[in-house]
Amino acid sequence: MWQLSVSPIELVVRTAIIYLLFLVALRISGKRELGQFTLFDLALVLLAANALQPAMTGPDQSITGGVVILITIFSLNRLVAQARLRIPLVRRLLEFSPTVVGRDGKWLTDQVQKQELDSDDLDAALHEHGLERVEQMKVATLEEDGSISIVPQESDDNPSARRRRRRYKRRTF
């Protein structure tokens, strides 16, 4: 129960490889934050974690092995967070840049499709920003955190056009 069946170094290396691969997979999956995960996203993460667990532990089933893996995961997470703050290249690799999805009263169809937004997401963002029609929008941006910012067109009835964000839930089928 307490005896390791593989070396602690092997557990650390296995865990580090899986952690980095999982980060890459999450990065590729798109712009959204934990609060925006759909039921399908949550199921994916839970199933992936369950599937990857044997790759980290190998033949080791000991409590000590679990402690080594847990310490490794939390240490790697802390290192990645610190690297993200201090190293611009790491920040660029891990974070998304904002994407303009609408301009001058029109949605940019290619960007809307590329970012997998649907008309419900876009309509909700407009309404949340107090706009009734897309023609009232000056610029719409899908932010790095998954929210949609909209700058309204300036008009006589809206001289102080403000920028607000609307979080959306991405649908997964």
N, C-alpha and C. Protein backbone atom coordinates (compact mmCIF):
# COMPACT_ATOMS: atom_id res chain seq x y z
N MET A 1 0.82 -1.18 0.00
CA MET A 1 0.00 0.00 0.00
C MET A 1 0.87 1.26 0.00
N TRP A 2 1.95 1.29 0.75
CA TRP A 2 2.83 2.46 0.83
C TRP A 2 4.08 2.30 -0.02
N GLN A 3 4.35 1.08 -0.47
CA GLN A 3 5.57 0.78 -1.20
C GLN A 3 5.42 1.11 -2.68
N LEU A 4 6.35 1.91 -3.22
CA LEU A 4 6.33 2.25 -4.64
C LEU A 4 6.78 1.05 -5.46
N SER A 5 6.09 0.78 -6.57
CA SER A 5 6.51 -0.31 -7.45
C SER A 5 7.33 0.22 -8.64
N VAL A 6 7.42 1.55 -8.79
CA VAL A 6 8.28 2.19 -9.78
C VAL A 6 9.01 3.33 -9.08
N SER A 7 10.03 3.85 -9.71
CA SER A 7 10.80 4.91 -9.07
C SER A 7 10.00 6.21 -9.05
N PRO A 8 10.21 7.04 -8.02
CA PRO A 8 9.52 8.34 -7.96
C PRO A 8 9.83 9.21 -9.19
N ILE A 9 11.05 9.11 -9.70
CA ILE A 9 11.43 9.89 -10.88
C ILE A 9 10.57 9.50 -12.08
N GLU A 10 10.32 8.19 -12.25
CA GLU A 10 9.47 7.73 -13.35
C GLU A 10 8.06 8.32 -13.21
N LEU A 11 7.53 8.33 -11.99
CA LEU A 11 6.21 8.91 -11.77
C LEU A 11 6.18 10.39 -12.12
N VAL A 12 7.22 11.11 -11.72
CA VAL A 12 7.30 12.55 -12.01
C VAL A 12 7.36 12.79 -13.51
N VAL A 13 8.19 12.04 -14.22
CA VAL A 13 8.33 12.20 -15.67
C VAL A 13 7.02 11.85 -16.38
N ARG A 14 6.41 10.73 -16.01
CA ARG A 14 5.13 10.33 -16.62
C ARG A 14 4.08 11.42 -16.41
N THR A 15 4.00 11.91 -15.17
CA THR A 15 3.00 12.92 -14.84
C THR A 15 3.27 14.22 -15.59
N ALA A 16 4.52 14.63 -15.69
CA ALA A 16 4.87 15.86 -16.40
C ALA A 16 4.48 15.77 -17.87
N ILE A 17 4.75 14.63 -18.49
CA ILE A 17 4.41 14.45 -19.91
C ILE A 17 2.89 14.54 -20.10
N ILE A 18 2.15 13.84 -19.28
CA ILE A 18 0.69 13.84 -19.39
C ILE A 18 0.13 15.23 -19.12
N TYR A 19 0.66 15.92 -18.12
CA TYR A 19 0.21 17.27 -17.79
C TYR A 19 0.40 18.21 -18.98
N LEU A 20 1.58 18.18 -19.58
CA LEU A 20 1.86 19.06 -20.71
C LEU A 20 0.98 18.72 -21.92
N LEU A 21 0.78 17.44 -22.19
CA LEU A 21 -0.09 17.04 -23.29
C LEU A 21 -1.54 17.48 -23.03
N PHE A 22 -1.97 17.38 -21.80
CA PHE A 22 -3.33 17.80 -21.44
C PHE A 22 -3.49 19.31 -21.61
N LEU A 23 -2.46 20.08 -21.23
CA LEU A 23 -2.49 21.54 -21.44
C LEU A 23 -2.63 21.87 -22.92
N VAL A 24 -1.87 21.18 -23.74
CA VAL A 24 -1.94 21.41 -25.19
C VAL A 24 -3.35 21.10 -25.70
N ALA A 25 -3.92 19.99 -25.25
CA ALA A 25 -5.26 19.62 -25.68
C ALA A 25 -6.29 20.66 -25.26
N LEU A 26 -6.18 21.18 -24.04
CA LEU A 26 -7.10 22.21 -23.59
C LEU A 26 -6.92 23.50 -24.39
N ARG A 27 -5.68 23.81 -24.72
CA ARG A 27 -5.40 25.03 -25.50
C ARG A 27 -6.02 24.92 -26.89
N ILE A 28 -5.93 23.75 -27.48
CA ILE A 28 -6.47 23.54 -28.82
C ILE A 28 -8.01 23.56 -28.81
N SER A 29 -8.60 23.20 -27.68
CA SER A 29 -10.06 23.05 -27.64
C SER A 29 -10.83 24.35 -27.78
N GLY A 30 -10.22 25.51 -27.59
CA GLY A 30 -10.91 26.76 -27.88
C GLY A 30 -10.99 27.72 -26.71
N LYS A 31 -11.58 28.88 -27.03
CA LYS A 31 -11.69 29.97 -26.07
C LYS A 31 -12.89 29.76 -25.15
N ARG A 32 -12.63 29.47 -23.95
CA ARG A 32 -13.68 29.45 -22.93
C ARG A 32 -13.02 29.23 -21.60
N GLU A 33 -13.72 29.56 -20.56
CA GLU A 33 -13.17 29.37 -19.24
C GLU A 33 -13.98 28.31 -18.50
N LEU A 34 -13.51 27.91 -17.35
CA LEU A 34 -14.14 26.81 -16.62
C LEU A 34 -15.62 27.06 -16.40
N GLY A 35 -16.00 28.27 -16.06
CA GLY A 35 -17.40 28.60 -15.83
C GLY A 35 -18.26 28.45 -17.06
N GLN A 36 -17.66 28.38 -18.23
CA GLN A 36 -18.39 28.27 -19.47
C GLN A 36 -18.42 26.85 -20.01
N PHE A 37 -17.87 25.90 -19.31
CA PHE A 37 -17.89 24.53 -19.78
C PHE A 37 -19.33 24.05 -19.86
N THR A 38 -19.64 23.39 -20.94
CA THR A 38 -20.95 22.76 -21.07
C THR A 38 -20.89 21.40 -20.37
N LEU A 39 -22.01 20.74 -20.31
CA LEU A 39 -22.06 19.40 -19.74
C LEU A 39 -21.14 18.46 -20.52
N PHE A 40 -21.08 18.64 -21.84
CA PHE A 40 -20.23 17.80 -22.70
C PHE A 40 -18.75 18.06 -22.40
N ASP A 41 -18.39 19.33 -22.17
CA ASP A 41 -17.00 19.67 -21.85
C ASP A 41 -16.58 19.04 -20.53
N LEU A 42 -17.46 19.11 -19.54
CA LEU A 42 -17.16 18.53 -18.23
C LEU A 42 -16.98 17.01 -18.35
N ALA A 43 -17.87 16.38 -19.11
CA ALA A 43 -17.75 14.92 -19.31
C ALA A 43 -16.43 14.59 -19.99
N LEU A 44 -16.04 15.40 -20.98
CA LEU A 44 -14.78 15.18 -21.68
C LEU A 44 -13.60 15.25 -20.72
N VAL A 45 -13.56 16.28 -19.88
CA VAL A 45 -12.44 16.45 -18.95
C VAL A 45 -12.39 15.29 -17.95
N LEU A 46 -13.54 14.91 -17.42
CA LEU A 46 -13.57 13.81 -16.44
C LEU A 46 -13.14 12.48 -17.08
N LEU A 47 -13.63 12.22 -18.28
CA LEU A 47 -13.25 10.97 -18.95
C LEU A 47 -11.78 10.99 -19.35
N ALA A 48 -11.29 12.14 -19.79
CA ALA A 48 -9.86 12.24 -20.15
C ALA A 48 -9.00 12.00 -18.92
N ALA A 49 -9.39 12.59 -17.79
CA ALA A 49 -8.62 12.39 -16.55
C ALA A 49 -8.59 10.91 -16.17
N ASN A 50 -9.72 10.26 -16.28
CA ASN A 50 -9.80 8.84 -15.95
C ASN A 50 -8.96 8.00 -16.91
N ALA A 51 -8.99 8.37 -18.19
CA ALA A 51 -8.23 7.62 -19.19
C ALA A 51 -6.73 7.84 -19.04
N LEU A 52 -6.33 9.02 -18.62
CA LEU A 52 -4.90 9.34 -18.51
C LEU A 52 -4.26 8.87 -17.21
N GLN A 53 -5.06 8.58 -16.23
CA GLN A 53 -4.53 8.17 -14.92
C GLN A 53 -3.58 6.97 -15.01
N PRO A 54 -3.92 5.91 -15.74
CA PRO A 54 -2.97 4.80 -15.83
C PRO A 54 -1.66 5.17 -16.51
N ALA A 55 -1.70 6.13 -17.44
CA ALA A 55 -0.47 6.55 -18.10
C ALA A 55 0.47 7.24 -17.11
N MET A 56 -0.09 7.88 -16.10
CA MET A 56 0.74 8.54 -15.09
C MET A 56 1.27 7.55 -14.06
N THR A 57 0.41 6.67 -13.62
CA THR A 57 0.80 5.78 -12.52
C THR A 57 1.56 4.56 -12.98
N GLY A 58 1.32 4.11 -14.22
CA GLY A 58 1.95 2.88 -14.66
C GLY A 58 1.49 1.74 -13.76
N PRO A 59 2.38 0.85 -13.38
CA PRO A 59 1.97 -0.27 -12.53
C PRO A 59 1.83 0.11 -11.05
N ASP A 60 2.16 1.34 -10.69
CA ASP A 60 2.14 1.74 -9.28
C ASP A 60 0.72 2.07 -8.83
N GLN A 61 0.28 1.46 -7.75
CA GLN A 61 -1.03 1.71 -7.17
C GLN A 61 -0.92 2.16 -5.72
N SER A 62 0.28 2.57 -5.30
CA SER A 62 0.50 2.89 -3.89
C SER A 62 0.02 4.30 -3.54
N ILE A 63 -0.23 4.51 -2.28
CA ILE A 63 -0.58 5.84 -1.76
C ILE A 63 0.60 6.78 -1.96
N THR A 64 1.80 6.28 -1.72
CA THR A 64 3.00 7.10 -1.91
C THR A 64 3.11 7.56 -3.36
N GLY A 65 2.82 6.67 -4.30
CA GLY A 65 2.83 7.04 -5.72
C GLY A 65 1.80 8.13 -6.02
N GLY A 66 0.62 8.01 -5.42
CA GLY A 66 -0.42 9.03 -5.58
C GLY A 66 0.03 10.38 -5.04
N VAL A 67 0.73 10.36 -3.91
CA VAL A 67 1.25 11.60 -3.32
C VAL A 67 2.29 12.23 -4.25
N VAL A 68 3.19 11.41 -4.79
CA VAL A 68 4.21 11.92 -5.72
C VAL A 68 3.53 12.57 -6.93
N ILE A 69 2.53 11.91 -7.49
CA ILE A 69 1.82 12.43 -8.66
C ILE A 69 1.09 13.73 -8.31
N LEU A 70 0.42 13.76 -7.17
CA LEU A 70 -0.30 14.96 -6.75
C LEU A 70 0.65 16.14 -6.57
N ILE A 71 1.76 15.92 -5.91
CA ILE A 71 2.75 16.99 -5.71
C ILE A 71 3.29 17.44 -7.07
N THR A 72 3.53 16.50 -7.97
CA THR A 72 4.04 16.85 -9.30
C THR A 72 3.04 17.71 -10.06
N ILE A 73 1.77 17.32 -10.06
CA ILE A 73 0.74 18.08 -10.79
C ILE A 73 0.63 19.50 -10.25
N PHE A 74 0.55 19.63 -8.93
CA PHE A 74 0.41 20.97 -8.35
C PHE A 74 1.68 21.80 -8.56
N SER A 75 2.83 21.18 -8.51
CA SER A 75 4.09 21.90 -8.75
C SER A 75 4.18 22.37 -10.20
N LEU A 76 3.84 21.49 -11.13
CA LEU A 76 3.85 21.88 -12.54
C LEU A 76 2.86 23.00 -12.81
N ASN A 77 1.70 22.91 -12.21
CA ASN A 77 0.69 23.94 -12.40
C ASN A 77 1.20 25.29 -11.90
N ARG A 78 1.85 25.28 -10.76
CA ARG A 78 2.43 26.51 -10.20
C ARG A 78 3.53 27.06 -11.11
N LEU A 79 4.39 26.16 -11.61
CA LEU A 79 5.46 26.59 -12.51
C LEU A 79 4.91 27.19 -13.81
N VAL A 80 3.89 26.57 -14.36
CA VAL A 80 3.29 27.08 -15.59
C VAL A 80 2.65 28.45 -15.33
N ALA A 81 1.98 28.60 -14.20
CA ALA A 81 1.36 29.89 -13.86
C ALA A 81 2.43 30.97 -13.72
N GLN A 82 3.52 30.66 -13.06
CA GLN A 82 4.60 31.64 -12.90
C GLN A 82 5.27 31.95 -14.24
N ALA A 83 5.48 30.94 -15.06
CA ALA A 83 6.09 31.15 -16.36
C ALA A 83 5.19 32.02 -17.24
N ARG A 84 3.88 31.81 -17.15
CA ARG A 84 2.93 32.60 -17.90
C ARG A 84 3.00 34.07 -17.53
N LEU A 85 3.23 34.34 -16.26
CA LEU A 85 3.33 35.73 -15.79
C LEU A 85 4.65 36.38 -16.19
N ARG A 86 5.71 35.62 -16.24
CA ARG A 86 7.05 36.18 -16.42
C ARG A 86 7.63 36.06 -17.83
N ILE A 87 7.14 35.11 -18.62
CA ILE A 87 7.73 34.84 -19.94
C ILE A 87 6.67 35.08 -21.02
N PRO A 88 6.84 36.14 -21.82
CA PRO A 88 5.85 36.47 -22.85
C PRO A 88 5.56 35.32 -23.82
N LEU A 89 6.57 34.55 -24.20
CA LEU A 89 6.35 33.44 -25.13
C LEU A 89 5.38 32.41 -24.53
N VAL A 90 5.54 32.09 -23.26
CA VAL A 90 4.64 31.14 -22.60
C VAL A 90 3.23 31.71 -22.57
N ARG A 91 3.11 32.99 -22.28
CA ARG A 91 1.80 33.64 -22.26
C ARG A 91 1.14 33.53 -23.63
N ARG A 92 1.89 33.80 -24.69
CA ARG A 92 1.33 33.71 -26.05
C ARG A 92 0.91 32.29 -26.40
N LEU A 93 1.67 31.31 -25.93
CA LEU A 93 1.34 29.91 -26.23
C LEU A 93 0.09 29.45 -25.48
N LEU A 94 -0.10 29.92 -24.26
CA LEU A 94 -1.19 29.44 -23.41
C LEU A 94 -2.47 30.25 -23.53
N GLU A 95 -2.38 31.49 -23.96
CA GLU A 95 -3.56 32.35 -24.00
C GLU A 95 -3.96 32.66 -25.43
N PHE A 96 -5.23 32.94 -25.59
CA PHE A 96 -5.76 33.33 -26.89
C PHE A 96 -5.65 34.83 -27.04
N SER A 97 -5.59 35.29 -28.27
CA SER A 97 -5.65 36.72 -28.51
C SER A 97 -7.09 37.05 -28.89
N PRO A 98 -7.52 38.29 -28.63
CA PRO A 98 -8.89 38.68 -29.00
C PRO A 98 -9.10 38.55 -30.51
N THR A 99 -10.32 38.22 -30.90
CA THR A 99 -10.67 38.05 -32.31
C THR A 99 -11.87 38.94 -32.63
N VAL A 100 -11.73 39.80 -33.61
CA VAL A 100 -12.85 40.63 -34.05
C VAL A 100 -13.82 39.73 -34.82
N VAL A 101 -15.08 39.72 -34.37
CA VAL A 101 -16.09 38.88 -35.01
C VAL A 101 -17.19 39.71 -35.68
N GLY A 102 -17.14 41.02 -35.48
CA GLY A 102 -18.12 41.91 -36.12
C GLY A 102 -17.55 43.30 -36.25
N ARG A 103 -17.94 43.98 -37.34
CA ARG A 103 -17.45 45.34 -37.56
C ARG A 103 -18.47 46.11 -38.40
N ASP A 104 -18.69 47.37 -38.01
CA ASP A 104 -19.54 48.28 -38.77
C ASP A 104 -20.91 47.69 -39.08
N GLY A 105 -21.54 47.12 -38.09
CA GLY A 105 -22.90 46.62 -38.23
C GLY A 105 -23.06 45.30 -38.95
N LYS A 106 -21.96 44.57 -39.12
CA LYS A 106 -22.04 43.27 -39.80
C LYS A 106 -21.17 42.25 -39.07
N TRP A 107 -21.67 41.02 -39.02
CA TRP A 107 -20.86 39.94 -38.46
C TRP A 107 -19.85 39.51 -39.50
N LEU A 108 -18.65 39.20 -39.07
CA LEU A 108 -17.63 38.66 -39.97
C LEU A 108 -17.82 37.14 -40.01
N THR A 109 -18.53 36.70 -41.01
CA THR A 109 -19.00 35.31 -41.08
C THR A 109 -17.88 34.29 -40.93
N ASP A 110 -16.74 34.54 -41.59
CA ASP A 110 -15.65 33.57 -41.50
C ASP A 110 -15.13 33.45 -40.08
N GLN A 111 -15.01 34.56 -39.35
CA GLN A 111 -14.54 34.50 -37.97
C GLN A 111 -15.59 33.91 -37.04
N VAL A 112 -16.86 34.24 -37.27
CA VAL A 112 -17.95 33.68 -36.45
C VAL A 112 -17.95 32.16 -36.58
N GLN A 113 -17.79 31.66 -37.79
CA GLN A 113 -17.76 30.20 -38.00
C GLN A 113 -16.50 29.59 -37.41
N LYS A 114 -15.37 30.23 -37.62
CA LYS A 114 -14.10 29.71 -37.09
C LYS A 114 -14.11 29.61 -35.58
N GLN A 115 -14.76 30.58 -34.92
CA GLN A 115 -14.83 30.58 -33.46
C GLN A 115 -16.01 29.77 -32.93
N GLU A 116 -16.77 29.16 -33.84
CA GLU A 116 -17.90 28.29 -33.50
C GLU A 116 -18.97 29.00 -32.68
N LEU A 117 -19.25 30.24 -33.06
CA LEU A 117 -20.33 31.00 -32.44
C LEU A 117 -21.59 30.76 -33.26
N ASP A 118 -22.73 30.82 -32.61
CA ASP A 118 -23.97 30.69 -33.37
C ASP A 118 -24.81 31.95 -33.19
N SER A 119 -25.90 32.04 -33.92
CA SER A 119 -26.72 33.26 -33.90
C SER A 119 -27.28 33.55 -32.52
N ASP A 120 -27.56 32.51 -31.72
CA ASP A 120 -28.05 32.75 -30.35
C ASP A 120 -26.99 33.45 -29.50
N ASP A 121 -25.72 33.03 -29.63
CA ASP A 121 -24.62 33.68 -28.90
C ASP A 121 -24.52 35.14 -29.30
N LEU A 122 -24.57 35.40 -30.58
CA LEU A 122 -24.41 36.76 -31.10
C LEU A 122 -25.59 37.64 -30.71
N ASP A 123 -26.80 37.11 -30.85
CA ASP A 123 -27.99 37.89 -30.46
C ASP A 123 -27.98 38.21 -28.97
N ALA A 124 -27.60 37.23 -28.16
CA ALA A 124 -27.55 37.45 -26.71
C ALA A 124 -26.53 38.53 -26.36
N ALA A 125 -25.38 38.53 -27.04
CA ALA A 125 -24.35 39.55 -26.80
C ALA A 125 -24.89 40.93 -27.16
N LEU A 126 -25.56 41.03 -28.30
CA LEU A 126 -26.14 42.32 -28.70
C LEU A 126 -27.14 42.81 -27.67
N HIS A 127 -28.05 41.94 -27.26
CA HIS A 127 -29.09 42.33 -26.32
C HIS A 127 -28.51 42.71 -24.96
N GLU A 128 -27.49 41.99 -24.54
CA GLU A 128 -26.88 42.30 -23.25
C GLU A 128 -26.22 43.68 -23.27
N HIS A 129 -25.79 44.10 -24.44
CA HIS A 129 -25.16 45.41 -24.57
C HIS A 129 -26.17 46.49 -24.92
N GLY A 130 -27.46 46.14 -24.85
CA GLY A 130 -28.51 47.13 -25.07
C GLY A 130 -28.77 47.44 -26.53
N LEU A 131 -28.34 46.57 -27.43
CA LEU A 131 -28.56 46.79 -28.85
C LEU A 131 -29.67 45.89 -29.35
N GLU A 132 -30.48 46.43 -30.24
CA GLU A 132 -31.58 45.65 -30.81
C GLU A 132 -31.21 45.00 -32.13
N ARG A 133 -30.30 45.66 -32.86
CA ARG A 133 -29.95 45.17 -34.20
C ARG A 133 -28.43 45.17 -34.35
N VAL A 134 -27.94 44.30 -35.20
CA VAL A 134 -26.50 44.21 -35.45
C VAL A 134 -25.98 45.51 -36.07
N GLU A 135 -26.84 46.23 -36.81
CA GLU A 135 -26.42 47.48 -37.45
C GLU A 135 -26.01 48.55 -36.43
N GLN A 136 -26.39 48.37 -35.17
CA GLN A 136 -26.04 49.33 -34.12
C GLN A 136 -24.64 49.08 -33.55
N MET A 137 -23.98 48.02 -34.00
CA MET A 137 -22.66 47.64 -33.49
C MET A 137 -21.56 48.28 -34.31
N LYS A 138 -20.57 48.82 -33.62
CA LYS A 138 -19.37 49.34 -34.29
C LYS A 138 -18.34 48.21 -34.42
N VAL A 139 -18.02 47.55 -33.28
CA VAL A 139 -17.06 46.45 -33.26
C VAL A 139 -17.51 45.43 -32.23
N ALA A 140 -17.37 44.15 -32.58
CA ALA A 140 -17.61 43.05 -31.64
C ALA A 140 -16.36 42.19 -31.59
N THR A 141 -15.91 41.89 -30.38
CA THR A 141 -14.67 41.14 -30.21
C THR A 141 -14.90 39.96 -29.28
N LEU A 142 -14.46 38.78 -29.74
CA LEU A 142 -14.42 37.61 -28.87
C LEU A 142 -13.11 37.72 -28.10
N GLU A 143 -13.21 37.97 -26.80
CA GLU A 143 -12.04 38.21 -25.96
C GLU A 143 -11.33 36.91 -25.63
N GLU A 144 -10.12 37.03 -25.11
CA GLU A 144 -9.30 35.86 -24.78
C GLU A 144 -9.94 34.99 -23.70
N ASP A 145 -10.83 35.56 -22.89
CA ASP A 145 -11.47 34.77 -21.84
C ASP A 145 -12.79 34.16 -22.29
N GLY A 146 -13.15 34.33 -23.57
CA GLY A 146 -14.38 33.74 -24.09
C GLY A 146 -15.57 34.66 -24.06
N SER A 147 -15.42 35.86 -23.51
CA SER A 147 -16.53 36.81 -23.49
C SER A 147 -16.58 37.58 -24.80
N ILE A 148 -17.76 38.13 -25.11
CA ILE A 148 -17.92 38.94 -26.31
C ILE A 148 -18.08 40.39 -25.88
N SER A 149 -17.17 41.25 -26.34
CA SER A 149 -17.25 42.69 -26.09
C SER A 149 -17.85 43.35 -27.31
N ILE A 150 -18.75 44.31 -27.07
CA ILE A 150 -19.35 45.04 -28.19
C ILE A 150 -19.22 46.53 -27.92
N VAL A 151 -18.73 47.24 -28.92
CA VAL A 151 -18.70 48.70 -28.89
C VAL A 151 -19.82 49.15 -29.81
N PRO A 152 -20.84 49.84 -29.24
CA PRO A 152 -21.95 50.30 -30.07
C PRO A 152 -21.55 51.47 -30.96
N GLN A 153 -22.27 51.64 -32.07
CA GLN A 153 -22.10 52.83 -32.90
C GLN A 153 -22.51 54.03 -32.04
N GLU A 154 -21.79 55.13 -32.18
CA GLU A 154 -22.20 56.34 -31.48
C GLU A 154 -23.36 56.96 -32.23
N SER A 155 -24.33 57.42 -31.45
CA SER A 155 -25.50 58.05 -32.06
C SER A 155 -25.97 59.16 -31.13
N ASP A 156 -26.96 59.90 -31.58
CA ASP A 156 -27.48 61.00 -30.77
C ASP A 156 -28.10 60.48 -29.48
N ASP A 157 -28.75 59.31 -29.55
CA ASP A 157 -29.37 58.76 -28.35
C ASP A 157 -28.41 57.92 -27.53
N ASN A 158 -27.19 57.69 -28.02
CA ASN A 158 -26.20 56.91 -27.28
C ASN A 158 -24.81 57.51 -27.47
N PRO A 159 -24.58 58.75 -26.96
CA PRO A 159 -23.29 59.39 -27.18
C PRO A 159 -22.15 58.76 -26.41
N SER A 160 -22.43 58.04 -25.36
CA SER A 160 -21.35 57.44 -24.55
C SER A 160 -21.36 55.94 -24.74
N ALA A 161 -21.08 55.52 -25.96
CA ALA A 161 -21.04 54.08 -26.26
C ALA A 161 -20.01 53.42 -25.36
N ARG A 162 -20.46 52.41 -24.60
CA ARG A 162 -19.57 51.73 -23.66
C ARG A 162 -19.30 50.33 -24.13
N ARG A 163 -18.17 49.80 -23.70
CA ARG A 163 -17.77 48.44 -24.04
C ARG A 163 -18.13 47.54 -22.87
N ARG A 164 -18.87 46.48 -23.16
CA ARG A 164 -19.23 45.49 -22.15
C ARG A 164 -18.94 44.11 -22.70
N ARG A 165 -18.90 43.14 -21.79
CA ARG A 165 -18.63 41.76 -22.20
C ARG A 165 -19.82 40.88 -21.91
N ARG A 166 -19.99 39.91 -22.78
CA ARG A 166 -21.04 38.91 -22.61
C ARG A 166 -20.39 37.54 -22.71
N ARG A 167 -20.52 36.74 -21.67
CA ARG A 167 -19.98 35.40 -21.70
C ARG A 167 -20.98 34.50 -22.43
N TYR A 168 -20.45 33.59 -23.22
CA TYR A 168 -21.34 32.68 -23.95
C TYR A 168 -20.95 31.26 -23.62
N LYS A 169 -21.91 30.39 -23.81
CA LYS A 169 -21.65 28.96 -23.65
C LYS A 169 -21.59 28.36 -25.04
N ARG A 170 -20.48 27.76 -25.32
CA ARG A 170 -20.28 27.15 -26.63
C ARG A 170 -21.00 25.81 -26.65
N ARG A 171 -21.72 25.60 -27.70
CA ARG A 171 -22.45 24.35 -27.81
C ARG A 171 -21.56 23.27 -28.39
N THR A 172 -21.67 22.09 -27.85
CA THR A 172 -20.92 20.95 -28.35
C THR A 172 -21.91 19.84 -28.68
N PHE A 173 -21.78 19.29 -29.84
CA PHE A 173 -22.71 18.24 -30.25
C PHE A 173 -22.00 16.92 -30.33
